Amino acid sequence: MTLPLIGILRGVTPDDVVAVAETLLDAGITHIEVPLNSPDPLTSIQRLAETFGERAVIGAGTVLTINQVRDVHAAGGRLIVSPNCRTAVIEETHRLAMQSWPGIVTPSEAFDALDAGATGLKLFPAVQVGIAGMKAVRTVLPKGTLLYAVGGIGIDNFGAWRAAGIDGAGLGSALYQPGQTPEQVGDQARALVDAWQKAGGQS
């Protein structure tokens, strides 16, 4: 079963991206985003889509505009992750049959995102909202809404977030930092996946 984890490769370069992503897939992380503030991100996304398109869901993070959605789609990406909630961006993502994960903090943002066709919701920054805040948002969301925590979530607190009702997580600096070798990233990926599974997050 696919793990509900999104690997965030912020700062990765096109020369490194395929080898790094391979280690994520080997660890079981099959959703991978390259934030658009990385070096030459569309080239990285294109290389990932060409190499792993049948094995993984590849796309972009830090997507802020409709034109960026279209650029990612043209590069072969099928995943759009944003730090904010912009209904026009979500609607365009939905129109292009891509996965849409907008950033939300408030119930108003959450319902706007769902109404626009979001695949799921990215609680960001999770460390700022906190578990109590997440639980308050979770109680009003429609049944079946996917809520992923991003920002400050990792091995040390997977269990608490999972027990409180989070569905998945986006993994950033705990998973990858620019300059790390594929071997280092692989070790981190396996440790994070193992921690998630031990926290009861297999599903």
Protein backbone atom coordinates (compact mmCIF):
# COMPACT_ATOMS: atom_id res chain seq x y z
CA MET A 1 0.00 0.00 0.00
CA THR A 2 1.22 3.49 -0.85
CA LEU A 3 2.49 5.38 2.17
CA PRO A 4 0.80 8.76 2.82
CA LEU A 5 4.12 10.61 2.74
CA ILE A 6 5.28 13.29 0.31
CA GLY A 7 9.03 13.66 -0.14
CA ILE A 8 10.09 17.29 -0.50
CA LEU A 9 13.38 17.81 -2.36
CA ARG A 10 13.86 21.53 -1.80
CA GLY A 11 17.09 22.75 -3.32
CA VAL A 12 17.84 19.62 -5.34
CA THR A 13 19.59 20.09 -8.69
CA PRO A 14 18.76 18.37 -11.98
CA ASP A 15 22.09 16.55 -11.87
CA ASP A 16 21.31 14.98 -8.49
CA VAL A 17 17.56 14.55 -8.58
CA VAL A 18 17.23 11.12 -10.19
CA ALA A 19 19.71 9.40 -7.86
CA VAL A 20 18.16 11.05 -4.80
CA ALA A 21 14.60 10.18 -5.85
CA GLU A 22 15.58 6.57 -6.43
CA THR A 23 16.46 6.26 -2.75
CA LEU A 24 13.04 7.64 -1.78
CA LEU A 25 11.27 5.10 -3.96
CA ASP A 26 13.40 2.29 -2.56
CA ALA A 27 12.29 3.36 0.94
CA GLY A 28 8.62 3.39 -0.09
CA ILE A 29 8.01 7.12 -0.62
CA THR A 30 6.25 7.36 -3.99
CA HIS A 31 5.01 10.98 -3.96
CA ILE A 32 7.85 13.40 -4.67
CA GLU A 33 7.78 17.18 -5.04
CA VAL A 34 10.48 19.52 -6.27
CA PRO A 35 9.73 23.01 -4.90
CA LEU A 36 9.80 25.66 -7.59
CA ASN A 37 12.37 27.70 -5.65
CA SER A 38 14.90 24.93 -6.30
CA PRO A 39 17.56 25.28 -9.03
CA ASP A 40 15.99 24.69 -12.49
CA PRO A 41 13.03 22.84 -10.98
CA LEU A 42 11.15 22.12 -14.21
CA THR A 43 14.16 20.26 -15.59
CA SER A 44 14.29 18.17 -12.41
CA ILE A 45 10.57 17.44 -12.64
CA GLN A 46 10.87 16.44 -16.28
CA ARG A 47 13.75 14.07 -15.54
CA LEU A 48 11.83 12.50 -12.65
CA ALA A 49 8.67 12.12 -14.71
CA GLU A 50 10.56 10.50 -17.57
CA THR A 51 12.45 8.16 -15.26
CA PHE A 52 9.85 7.27 -12.64
CA GLY A 53 6.52 8.24 -14.17
CA GLU A 54 5.17 4.69 -13.88
CA ARG A 55 6.42 4.19 -10.32
CA ALA A 56 5.79 7.52 -8.65
CA VAL A 57 3.66 10.66 -8.54
CA ILE A 58 6.00 13.50 -9.43
CA GLY A 59 5.33 17.20 -9.18
CA ALA A 60 6.16 20.58 -7.73
CA GLY A 61 5.94 22.41 -4.44
CA THR A 62 5.72 26.13 -3.69
CA VAL A 63 3.32 26.52 -6.62
CA LEU A 64 1.71 29.95 -6.46
CA THR A 65 0.22 30.75 -9.88
CA ILE A 66 -1.88 29.24 -12.65
CA ASN A 67 1.00 29.57 -15.10
CA GLN A 68 3.24 27.58 -12.78
CA VAL A 69 0.64 24.81 -12.67
CA ARG A 70 0.65 24.70 -16.46
CA ASP A 71 4.44 24.68 -16.60
CA VAL A 72 4.63 21.75 -14.18
CA HIS A 73 2.01 19.86 -16.19
CA ALA A 74 3.96 20.48 -19.41
CA ALA A 75 7.09 19.09 -17.72
CA GLY A 76 5.25 15.87 -16.90
CA GLY A 77 4.36 16.64 -13.30
CA ARG A 78 1.09 15.39 -11.85
CA LEU A 79 1.33 16.76 -8.30
CA ILE A 80 0.85 20.38 -7.22
CA VAL A 81 1.66 21.41 -3.64
CA SER A 82 1.31 24.99 -2.41
CA PRO A 83 2.08 26.81 0.84
CA ASN A 84 -1.18 28.75 0.54
CA CYS A 85 -4.78 28.43 -0.62
CA ARG A 86 -5.55 30.05 -3.98
CA THR A 87 -8.74 28.72 -5.50
CA ALA A 88 -7.70 29.62 -9.06
CA VAL A 89 -4.55 27.52 -8.69
CA ILE A 90 -6.54 24.60 -7.27
CA GLU A 91 -9.16 24.82 -10.01
CA GLU A 92 -6.53 24.80 -12.76
CA THR A 93 -4.78 21.85 -11.12
CA HIS A 94 -8.08 19.99 -10.95
CA ARG A 95 -8.87 20.86 -14.59
CA LEU A 96 -5.57 19.32 -15.67
CA ALA A 97 -6.34 16.14 -13.69
CA MET A 98 -3.40 16.66 -11.35
CA GLN A 99 -3.29 16.12 -7.60
CA SER A 100 -3.83 19.36 -5.65
CA TRP A 101 -2.48 19.86 -2.12
CA PRO A 102 -2.95 23.50 -1.07
CA GLY A 103 -1.69 24.88 2.22
CA ILE A 104 -4.33 25.71 4.82
CA VAL A 105 -4.47 26.82 8.44
CA THR A 106 -8.08 27.89 9.00
CA PRO A 107 -11.42 26.13 8.38
CA SER A 108 -12.31 28.86 5.87
CA GLU A 109 -9.22 28.05 3.81
CA ALA A 110 -9.93 24.34 4.13
CA PHE A 111 -13.47 24.60 2.80
CA ASP A 112 -12.45 26.99 0.02
CA ALA A 113 -9.81 24.48 -1.04
CA LEU A 114 -12.19 21.53 -0.99
CA ASP A 115 -14.83 23.46 -2.92
CA ALA A 116 -12.23 24.26 -5.60
CA GLY A 117 -11.38 20.59 -6.04
CA ALA A 118 -8.37 19.94 -3.81
CA THR A 119 -7.22 16.33 -3.55
CA GLY A 120 -6.27 16.86 0.07
CA LEU A 121 -5.17 19.57 2.47
CA LYS A 122 -1.67 20.50 3.59
CA LEU A 123 -1.67 21.84 7.15
CA PHE A 124 1.19 24.33 6.98
CA PRO A 125 3.13 25.17 8.98
CA ALA A 126 2.06 22.31 11.21
CA VAL A 127 4.49 23.27 13.97
CA GLN A 128 2.76 26.64 14.27
CA VAL A 129 -0.78 25.27 14.24
CA GLY A 130 0.08 22.50 16.68
CA ILE A 131 -1.77 19.30 17.40
CA ALA A 132 -4.57 21.04 19.31
CA GLY A 133 -5.16 23.39 16.40
CA MET A 134 -5.10 20.52 13.94
CA LYS A 135 -7.68 18.59 15.96
CA ALA A 136 -9.98 21.60 15.99
CA VAL A 137 -9.79 21.89 12.20
CA ARG A 138 -10.16 18.13 11.75
CA THR A 139 -13.46 18.05 13.66
CA VAL A 140 -15.25 20.24 11.11
CA LEU A 141 -13.85 18.74 7.91
CA PRO A 142 -16.02 16.43 5.81
CA LYS A 143 -15.53 12.73 6.50
CA GLY A 144 -12.80 11.31 4.30
CA THR A 145 -10.90 14.59 3.86
CA LEU A 146 -7.17 13.91 3.67
CA LEU A 147 -5.15 16.18 5.96
CA TYR A 148 -1.35 16.08 5.78
CA ALA A 149 0.93 17.88 8.23
CA VAL A 150 3.95 19.71 6.80
CA GLY A 151 6.58 21.68 8.69
CA GLY A 152 8.05 20.44 11.95
CA ILE A 153 6.75 16.88 11.75
CA GLY A 154 9.08 13.90 11.83
CA ILE A 155 10.42 10.90 13.71
CA ASP A 156 10.07 12.43 17.16
CA ASN A 157 6.38 13.33 16.86
CA PHE A 158 4.81 11.06 14.22
CA GLY A 159 3.04 9.10 16.93
CA ALA A 160 1.40 12.11 18.55
CA TRP A 161 0.25 13.59 15.24
CA ARG A 162 -1.05 10.26 13.98
CA ALA A 163 -2.93 9.59 17.21
CA ALA A 164 -4.51 13.04 16.95
CA GLY A 165 -5.95 12.31 13.52
CA ILE A 166 -3.47 13.38 10.84
CA ASP A 167 -3.62 11.29 7.66
CA GLY A 168 -0.13 11.83 6.31
CA ALA A 169 2.89 14.10 6.20
CA GLY A 170 5.17 16.07 3.95
CA LEU A 171 8.83 15.46 4.72
CA GLY A 172 11.26 18.30 4.06
CA SER A 173 14.59 19.02 5.73
CA ALA A 174 14.42 15.84 7.82
CA LEU A 175 14.43 13.91 4.55
CA TYR A 176 16.66 15.94 2.26
CA GLN A 177 19.00 18.90 2.41
CA PRO A 178 21.05 20.22 -0.52
CA GLY A 179 24.48 18.67 -0.72
CA GLN A 180 23.56 15.40 0.92
CA THR A 181 24.49 12.22 -0.92
CA PRO A 182 21.87 9.77 -2.16
CA GLU A 183 23.13 7.35 0.50
CA GLN A 184 22.49 9.88 3.27
CA VAL A 185 19.04 10.64 1.92
CA GLY A 186 18.28 6.94 1.66
CA ASP A 187 19.21 6.39 5.30
CA GLN A 188 16.98 9.30 6.34
CA ALA A 189 14.12 8.10 4.16
CA ARG A 190 14.21 4.59 5.61
CA ALA A 191 14.34 5.95 9.16
CA LEU A 192 11.35 8.22 8.52
CA VAL A 193 9.31 5.47 6.88
CA ASP A 194 10.12 3.07 9.70
CA ALA A 195 9.08 5.66 12.29
CA TRP A 196 5.84 6.38 10.44
CA GLN A 197 4.97 2.69 10.27
CA LYS A 198 5.79 2.13 13.94
CA ALA A 199 3.54 5.08 14.79
CA GLY A 200 0.65 3.19 13.24
CA GLY A 201 0.70 5.12 9.99
CA GLN A 202 0.87 2.32 7.45
CA SER A 203 -2.53 3.12 6.01
